[in-house]
Structures are given as structure tokens and as C-alpha cells.
């Protein structure tokens, strides 16, 4: 009986490990930077043997609380999403176009804001244990507002490893899944004063969508 009790207690601790690591991360980390790789996958259609990868991308990110982050795609094209605390800037190099939105729309505009935005996570989400898979402890974020149209995802999972977020799994209402791997993360470093500032080159189109 003692052995069974010990095993049960151990399984409960393991089940909650993702939640514990995630809470500790958002409580103690003020800034972080690293790299990401991303895949967008749709379910298989009739006659297809497997789900199809629609697109792949990779790049780097940096964030600083409260509400500042850069999510920069470097391949296969160059784009930047920058939250400076007041505005959300979306820069597309190929189009030579900068779009400016209100900062409070950052949560729906970028996966980065799920971890690094201005939102107090536990005020807006219930944290549900997602168990262990792929070498990570997972926590699922479920919106407390079931009618929140600002969120483009019906399900959001965050995989934690060694106290750091290592993966995101985002499901939309059409069955499409976005998988994001995070790597080479450095936390609580000294960041330059201009990290979250961006000035478009001369001749760029600037669209104010606030």
C-alpha cells in the first residue's frame, strides 16, 4: 500500500510538473531571447496518408516584461513583429510595408504574446496539466472567457523543459496546428535600449490600423 501511495503521489507531481515550471518561468523571468522554428500543419484530407505541412519558418525572438517583444522571422522570408509596450508593429521586408496596430491586439497577432505579452496569464487562462511528451512537460491554457474572439486558437499548449519553454502547440478552429520549437534561450540578460524600437527605411509604406 505504501508503495502504491508513493507511486500515485509521484505521478501527481509529474503530471503537475509542466504547470509548476510554467508558473515559475512567468514569475521569475523578466526578459529572454532565443531562436525558434515553426511549422503550420493541416489535417490530412481524403486519400492523403498523413497531415500536410503548409509552411515552415525560423527566426529569433526577444522579450522584456511588461509587454515588449520582437518575433523576427529570418527564413524563408524576413518579417518582424515588434511590441514596444504601446504599439504592435508588423514589418514585411518583401512588401516594404509597416503596419501599426494597438498593443492590446498583440495577443491575437503573435504566438509570442502568449508567453511574453502584457496579459496576466492566470487571470485569463486556466492551466491544465498536459502530461509528458517529446521530452517536455506540457501545460494547456484554456481561456476563462469561452467567447473570447480575440484568440485565434481553440487550444494552446506549452511544453516546458528544465524550467524554460521549449515548445508551443497551437490549434485553430479549422484543425490547423502550429508547432513551435524554442531553443538557445538566455534569460534575464542586459538588453540594449533600442531592441524594441524600429524605424522603417525611406520609401516604406506605413499603414496605421489602430
C-alpha atoms as a PDB file:
ATOM      1  CA  UNK A   1       0.000   0.000   0.000  1.00  0.00           C
ATOM      2  CA  UNK A   2       2.810   2.393   0.897  1.00  0.00           C
ATOM      3  CA  UNK A   3       4.461   1.633  -2.448  1.00  0.00           C
ATOM      4  CA  UNK A   4       1.227   2.296  -4.337  1.00  0.00           C
ATOM      5  CA  UNK A   5       0.700   5.544  -2.445  1.00  0.00           C
ATOM      6  CA  UNK A   6       4.229   6.635  -3.287  1.00  0.00           C
ATOM      7  CA  UNK A   7       3.739   5.831  -6.971  1.00  0.00           C
ATOM      8  CA  UNK A   8       0.432   7.718  -7.030  1.00  0.00           C
ATOM      9  CA  UNK A   9       1.978  10.765  -5.365  1.00  0.00           C
ATOM     10  CA  UNK A  10       4.892  10.650  -7.801  1.00  0.00           C
ATOM     11  CA  UNK A  11       2.549  10.503 -10.796  1.00  0.00           C
ATOM     12  CA  UNK A  12       0.596  13.505  -9.485  1.00  0.00           C
ATOM     13  CA  UNK A  13       3.812  15.502  -9.086  1.00  0.00           C
ATOM     14  CA  UNK A  14       4.928  14.550 -12.611  1.00  0.00           C
ATOM     15  CA  UNK A  15       1.524  15.480 -14.027  1.00  0.00           C
ATOM     16  CA  UNK A  16       1.749  18.945 -12.484  1.00  0.00           C
ATOM     17  CA  UNK A  17       5.401  19.489 -13.410  1.00  0.00           C
ATOM     18  CA  UNK A  18       4.582  21.458 -16.552  1.00  0.00           C
ATOM     19  CA  UNK A  19       2.328  23.810 -14.598  1.00  0.00           C
ATOM     20  CA  UNK A  20       4.966  24.252 -11.886  1.00  0.00           C
ATOM     21  CA  UNK A  21       7.733  25.068 -14.369  1.00  0.00           C
ATOM     22  CA  UNK A  22       5.491  27.407 -16.361  1.00  0.00           C
ATOM     23  CA  UNK A  23       4.394  29.349 -13.263  1.00  0.00           C
ATOM     24  CA  UNK A  24       7.986  29.666 -12.092  1.00  0.00           C
ATOM     25  CA  UNK A  25       9.078  30.878 -15.525  1.00  0.00           C
ATOM     26  CA  UNK A  26       6.477  33.645 -15.781  1.00  0.00           C
ATOM     27  CA  UNK A  27       7.120  34.667 -12.152  1.00  0.00           C
ATOM     28  CA  UNK A  28      10.922  34.904 -12.280  1.00  0.00           C
ATOM     29  CA  UNK A  29      11.923  35.674 -15.881  1.00  0.00           C
ATOM     30  CA  UNK A  30      11.870  39.364 -16.809  1.00  0.00           C
ATOM     31  CA  UNK A  31      13.423  39.019 -20.245  1.00  0.00           C
ATOM     32  CA  UNK A  32      14.615  36.290 -22.562  1.00  0.00           C
ATOM     33  CA  UNK A  33      15.974  35.787 -26.046  1.00  0.00           C
ATOM     34  CA  UNK A  34      16.480  32.782 -28.270  1.00  0.00           C
ATOM     35  CA  UNK A  35      15.641  31.106 -31.555  1.00  0.00           C
ATOM     36  CA  UNK A  36      12.523  29.435 -32.919  1.00  0.00           C
ATOM     37  CA  UNK A  37      11.473  27.078 -35.700  1.00  0.00           C
ATOM     38  CA  UNK A  38       7.837  26.858 -36.703  1.00  0.00           C
ATOM     39  CA  UNK A  39       5.601  24.547 -38.734  1.00  0.00           C
ATOM     40  CA  UNK A  40       1.993  25.016 -39.795  1.00  0.00           C
ATOM     41  CA  UNK A  41       0.235  21.680 -40.343  1.00  0.00           C
ATOM     42  CA  UNK A  42      -3.249  20.900 -41.631  1.00  0.00           C
ATOM     43  CA  UNK A  43      -5.120  17.615 -41.148  1.00  0.00           C
ATOM     44  CA  UNK A  44      -4.899  15.005 -43.889  1.00  0.00           C
ATOM     45  CA  UNK A  45      -7.649  15.025 -46.497  1.00  0.00           C
ATOM     46  CA  UNK A  46      -9.365  12.030 -48.067  1.00  0.00           C
ATOM     47  CA  UNK A  47      -6.775   9.973 -49.930  1.00  0.00           C
ATOM     48  CA  UNK A  48      -3.817  11.537 -48.145  1.00  0.00           C
ATOM     49  CA  UNK A  49      -1.736   9.312 -45.912  1.00  0.00           C
ATOM     50  CA  UNK A  50      -0.581  11.952 -43.449  1.00  0.00           C
ATOM     51  CA  UNK A  51      -1.141  15.556 -42.373  1.00  0.00           C
ATOM     52  CA  UNK A  52       0.431  18.143 -44.686  1.00  0.00           C
ATOM     53  CA  UNK A  53       3.000  20.746 -43.665  1.00  0.00           C
ATOM     54  CA  UNK A  54       1.769  24.017 -45.176  1.00  0.00           C
ATOM     55  CA  UNK A  55       4.796  26.134 -44.341  1.00  0.00           C
ATOM     56  CA  UNK A  56       7.955  26.248 -42.274  1.00  0.00           C
ATOM     57  CA  UNK A  57       9.805  29.222 -40.874  1.00  0.00           C
ATOM     58  CA  UNK A  58      12.541  30.054 -38.426  1.00  0.00           C
ATOM     59  CA  UNK A  59      13.989  33.054 -36.703  1.00  0.00           C
ATOM     60  CA  UNK A  60      14.705  34.594 -33.329  1.00  0.00           C
ATOM     61  CA  UNK A  61      12.858  36.318 -30.526  1.00  0.00           C
ATOM     62  CA  UNK A  62      13.474  38.597 -27.590  1.00  0.00           C
ATOM     63  CA  UNK A  63      11.071  39.821 -24.914  1.00  0.00           C
ATOM     64  CA  UNK A  64      11.018  42.011 -21.879  1.00  0.00           C
ATOM     65  CA  UNK A  65       8.223  42.497 -19.401  1.00  0.00           C
ATOM     66  CA  UNK A  66       5.877  44.187 -19.438  1.00  0.00           C
ATOM     67  CA  UNK A  67       4.601  43.784 -22.972  1.00  0.00           C
ATOM     68  CA  UNK A  68       7.706  44.270 -25.115  1.00  0.00           C
ATOM     69  CA  UNK A  69       8.864  41.665 -27.611  1.00  0.00           C
ATOM     70  CA  UNK A  70      10.356  41.062 -31.034  1.00  0.00           C
ATOM     71  CA  UNK A  71       9.374  37.988 -33.056  1.00  0.00           C
ATOM     72  CA  UNK A  72      11.626  38.049 -36.123  1.00  0.00           C
ATOM     73  CA  UNK A  73      11.287  35.561 -38.967  1.00  0.00           C
ATOM     74  CA  UNK A  74      14.501  35.190 -40.968  1.00  0.00           C
ATOM     75  CA  UNK A  75      13.651  32.231 -43.244  1.00  0.00           C
ATOM     76  CA  UNK A  76      12.093  31.708 -45.761  1.00  0.00           C
ATOM     77  CA  UNK A  77      11.254  35.442 -45.744  1.00  0.00           C
ATOM     78  CA  UNK A  78      12.043  38.373 -43.482  1.00  0.00           C
ATOM     79  CA  UNK A  79       9.330  39.727 -41.218  1.00  0.00           C
ATOM     80  CA  UNK A  80       9.246  41.305 -37.788  1.00  0.00           C
ATOM     81  CA  UNK A  81       6.550  41.665 -35.156  1.00  0.00           C
ATOM     82  CA  UNK A  82       7.546  44.238 -32.545  1.00  0.00           C
ATOM     83  CA  UNK A  83       5.604  45.187 -29.421  1.00  0.00           C
ATOM     84  CA  UNK A  84       7.079  48.307 -27.847  1.00  0.00           C
ATOM     85  CA  UNK A  85       4.655  48.442 -24.909  1.00  0.00           C
ATOM     86  CA  UNK A  86       2.247  50.823 -26.627  1.00  0.00           C
ATOM     87  CA  UNK A  87       2.049  49.677 -30.253  1.00  0.00           C
ATOM     88  CA  UNK A  88       2.325  46.490 -32.255  1.00  0.00           C
ATOM     89  CA  UNK A  89       4.461  46.883 -35.380  1.00  0.00           C
ATOM     90  CA  UNK A  90       4.334  44.365 -38.224  1.00  0.00           C
ATOM     91  CA  UNK A  91       7.185  44.769 -40.708  1.00  0.00           C
ATOM     92  CA  UNK A  92       7.297  42.911 -44.038  1.00  0.00           C
ATOM     93  CA  UNK A  93      10.598  43.441 -45.823  1.00  0.00           C
ATOM     94  CA  UNK A  94       9.484  42.000 -49.175  1.00  0.00           C
ATOM     95  CA  UNK A  95       6.468  44.317 -49.292  1.00  0.00           C
ATOM     96  CA  UNK A  96       8.477  47.178 -47.777  1.00  0.00           C
ATOM     97  CA  UNK A  97       5.463  47.730 -45.543  1.00  0.00           C
ATOM     98  CA  UNK A  98       4.973  48.569 -41.865  1.00  0.00           C
ATOM     99  CA  UNK A  99       1.570  48.056 -40.237  1.00  0.00           C
ATOM    100  CA  UNK A 100       0.898  49.653 -36.848  1.00  0.00           C
ATOM    101  CA  UNK A 101      -1.774  48.304 -34.507  1.00  0.00           C
ATOM    102  CA  UNK A 102      -2.817  48.907 -30.928  1.00  0.00           C
ATOM    103  CA  UNK A 103      -0.731  46.971 -28.399  1.00  0.00           C
ATOM    104  CA  UNK A 104      -3.795  45.321 -26.855  1.00  0.00           C
ATOM    105  CA  UNK A 105      -4.221  43.337 -30.086  1.00  0.00           C
ATOM    106  CA  UNK A 106      -0.830  41.667 -29.564  1.00  0.00           C
ATOM    107  CA  UNK A 107      -2.281  38.521 -28.027  1.00  0.00           C
ATOM    108  CA  UNK A 108      -4.116  37.546 -31.196  1.00  0.00           C
ATOM    109  CA  UNK A 109      -1.394  38.725 -33.562  1.00  0.00           C
ATOM    110  CA  UNK A 110       1.532  36.566 -32.474  1.00  0.00           C
ATOM    111  CA  UNK A 111       2.223  33.311 -30.629  1.00  0.00           C
ATOM    112  CA  UNK A 112       4.990  35.183 -28.835  1.00  0.00           C
ATOM    113  CA  UNK A 113       2.429  37.167 -26.861  1.00  0.00           C
ATOM    114  CA  UNK A 114       1.034  34.004 -25.275  1.00  0.00           C
ATOM    115  CA  UNK A 115       4.263  33.707 -23.295  1.00  0.00           C
ATOM    116  CA  UNK A 116       5.708  37.189 -23.475  1.00  0.00           C
ATOM    117  CA  UNK A 117       2.787  39.603 -23.739  1.00  0.00           C
ATOM    118  CA  UNK A 118       1.258  42.002 -21.314  1.00  0.00           C
ATOM    119  CA  UNK A 119      -1.538  39.625 -20.306  1.00  0.00           C
ATOM    120  CA  UNK A 120      -1.614  38.256 -16.751  1.00  0.00           C
ATOM    121  CA  UNK A 121      -1.866  34.617 -17.775  1.00  0.00           C
ATOM    122  CA  UNK A 122      -3.688  33.172 -14.774  1.00  0.00           C
ATOM    123  CA  UNK A 123      -6.288  35.957 -14.837  1.00  0.00           C
ATOM    124  CA  UNK A 124      -7.324  34.959 -18.356  1.00  0.00           C
ATOM    125  CA  UNK A 125      -6.480  31.252 -18.583  1.00  0.00           C
ATOM    126  CA  UNK A 126      -6.989  28.060 -16.621  1.00  0.00           C
ATOM    127  CA  UNK A 127      -3.805  25.976 -16.501  1.00  0.00           C
ATOM    128  CA  UNK A 128      -4.433  22.293 -17.243  1.00  0.00           C
ATOM    129  CA  UNK A 129      -1.776  19.588 -16.982  1.00  0.00           C
ATOM    130  CA  UNK A 130      -0.894  18.160 -20.397  1.00  0.00           C
ATOM    131  CA  UNK A 131       1.340  15.341 -19.179  1.00  0.00           C
ATOM    132  CA  UNK A 132       4.717  14.497 -20.651  1.00  0.00           C
ATOM    133  CA  UNK A 133       5.565  14.028 -24.322  1.00  0.00           C
ATOM    134  CA  UNK A 134       8.519  14.690 -26.572  1.00  0.00           C
ATOM    135  CA  UNK A 135      10.818  15.137 -23.597  1.00  0.00           C
ATOM    136  CA  UNK A 136       8.725  18.072 -22.311  1.00  0.00           C
ATOM    137  CA  UNK A 137       6.185  18.615 -19.537  1.00  0.00           C
ATOM    138  CA  UNK A 138       3.096  20.209 -21.050  1.00  0.00           C
ATOM    139  CA  UNK A 139       0.567  22.695 -19.734  1.00  0.00           C
ATOM    140  CA  UNK A 140      -2.591  23.574 -21.643  1.00  0.00           C
ATOM    141  CA  UNK A 141      -4.021  27.093 -21.490  1.00  0.00           C
ATOM    142  CA  UNK A 142      -7.815  27.277 -21.605  1.00  0.00           C
ATOM    143  CA  UNK A 143      -9.406  30.707 -21.873  1.00  0.00           C
ATOM    144  CA  UNK A 144     -11.697  31.594 -18.962  1.00  0.00           C
ATOM    145  CA  UNK A 145     -13.745  33.610 -21.444  1.00  0.00           C
ATOM    146  CA  UNK A 146     -15.189  30.989 -23.778  1.00  0.00           C
ATOM    147  CA  UNK A 147     -16.450  33.718 -26.122  1.00  0.00           C
ATOM    148  CA  UNK A 148     -13.094  35.460 -26.465  1.00  0.00           C
ATOM    149  CA  UNK A 149     -12.946  36.259 -30.171  1.00  0.00           C
ATOM    150  CA  UNK A 150      -9.534  37.886 -29.795  1.00  0.00           C
ATOM    151  CA  UNK A 151      -7.904  34.454 -29.608  1.00  0.00           C
ATOM    152  CA  UNK A 152      -7.313  32.694 -32.938  1.00  0.00           C
ATOM    153  CA  UNK A 153      -6.631  29.367 -31.196  1.00  0.00           C
ATOM    154  CA  UNK A 154      -9.097  26.898 -29.710  1.00  0.00           C
ATOM    155  CA  UNK A 155      -6.310  25.063 -27.843  1.00  0.00           C
ATOM    156  CA  UNK A 156      -2.875  26.221 -26.702  1.00  0.00           C
ATOM    157  CA  UNK A 157      -0.202  24.006 -25.195  1.00  0.00           C
ATOM    158  CA  UNK A 158       3.218  24.973 -23.839  1.00  0.00           C
ATOM    159  CA  UNK A 159       5.975  22.413 -23.354  1.00  0.00           C
ATOM    160  CA  UNK A 160       8.443  23.095 -20.548  1.00  0.00           C
ATOM    161  CA  UNK A 161      11.935  21.638 -20.205  1.00  0.00           C
ATOM    162  CA  UNK A 162      14.441  22.456 -17.462  1.00  0.00           C
ATOM    163  CA  UNK A 163      12.397  25.478 -16.398  1.00  0.00           C
ATOM    164  CA  UNK A 164      12.198  27.000 -19.875  1.00  0.00           C
ATOM    165  CA  UNK A 165       9.524  26.901 -22.593  1.00  0.00           C
ATOM    166  CA  UNK A 166      10.746  24.564 -25.311  1.00  0.00           C
ATOM    167  CA  UNK A 167       7.637  24.115 -27.444  1.00  0.00           C
ATOM    168  CA  UNK A 168       4.232  25.548 -28.297  1.00  0.00           C
ATOM    169  CA  UNK A 169       1.320  23.654 -29.852  1.00  0.00           C
ATOM    170  CA  UNK A 170      -1.477  25.886 -31.155  1.00  0.00           C
ATOM    171  CA  UNK A 171      -4.768  24.564 -32.595  1.00  0.00           C
ATOM    172  CA  UNK A 172      -7.224  26.735 -34.503  1.00  0.00           C
ATOM    173  CA  UNK A 173     -10.921  26.103 -35.136  1.00  0.00           C
ATOM    174  CA  UNK A 174     -10.232  24.670 -38.606  1.00  0.00           C
ATOM    175  CA  UNK A 175      -7.976  21.858 -37.413  1.00  0.00           C
ATOM    176  CA  UNK A 176      -4.725  23.560 -38.392  1.00  0.00           C
ATOM    177  CA  UNK A 177      -1.876  23.120 -35.898  1.00  0.00           C
ATOM    178  CA  UNK A 178       1.097  25.439 -35.411  1.00  0.00           C
ATOM    179  CA  UNK A 179       4.109  23.752 -33.803  1.00  0.00           C
ATOM    180  CA  UNK A 180       6.896  25.979 -32.482  1.00  0.00           C
ATOM    181  CA  UNK A 181      10.226  24.813 -31.067  1.00  0.00           C
ATOM    182  CA  UNK A 182      12.189  27.265 -28.927  1.00  0.00           C
ATOM    183  CA  UNK A 183      15.947  26.888 -28.427  1.00  0.00           C
ATOM    184  CA  UNK A 184      19.145  28.625 -27.287  1.00  0.00           C
ATOM    185  CA  UNK A 185      17.185  30.606 -24.701  1.00  0.00           C
ATOM    186  CA  UNK A 186      19.041  33.084 -22.490  1.00  0.00           C
ATOM    187  CA  UNK A 187      17.165  34.689 -19.621  1.00  0.00           C
ATOM    188  CA  UNK A 188      17.436  37.904 -17.604  1.00  0.00           C
ATOM    189  CA  UNK A 189      20.230  39.377 -19.706  1.00  0.00           C
ATOM    190  CA  UNK A 190      21.099  43.051 -20.147  1.00  0.00           C
ATOM    191  CA  UNK A 191      19.242  44.256 -23.254  1.00  0.00           C
ATOM    192  CA  UNK A 192      20.083  47.266 -25.390  1.00  0.00           C
ATOM    193  CA  UNK A 193      17.920  50.379 -25.194  1.00  0.00           C
ATOM    194  CA  UNK A 194      16.889  50.162 -28.858  1.00  0.00           C
ATOM    195  CA  UNK A 195      15.908  46.473 -29.014  1.00  0.00           C
ATOM    196  CA  UNK A 196      12.183  47.228 -29.195  1.00  0.00           C
ATOM    197  CA  UNK A 197      12.406  50.253 -31.477  1.00  0.00           C
ATOM    198  CA  UNK A 198      12.002  50.084 -35.245  1.00  0.00           C
ATOM    199  CA  UNK A 199      12.223  52.711 -37.962  1.00  0.00           C
ATOM    200  CA  UNK A 200      11.232  51.639 -41.497  1.00  0.00           C
ATOM    201  CA  UNK A 201      13.545  52.514 -44.379  1.00  0.00           C
ATOM    202  CA  UNK A 202      12.808  55.561 -46.533  1.00  0.00           C
ATOM    203  CA  UNK A 203      10.007  54.969 -49.008  1.00  0.00           C
ATOM    204  CA  UNK A 204       8.313  52.228 -46.975  1.00  0.00           C
ATOM    205  CA  UNK A 205       4.519  52.096 -46.839  1.00  0.00           C
ATOM    206  CA  UNK A 206       3.253  52.786 -43.320  1.00  0.00           C
ATOM    207  CA  UNK A 207      -0.305  51.681 -42.548  1.00  0.00           C
ATOM    208  CA  UNK A 208      -1.925  52.784 -39.310  1.00  0.00           C
ATOM    209  CA  UNK A 209      -4.506  50.169 -38.362  1.00  0.00           C
ATOM    210  CA  UNK A 210      -5.086  51.283 -34.792  1.00  0.00           C
END
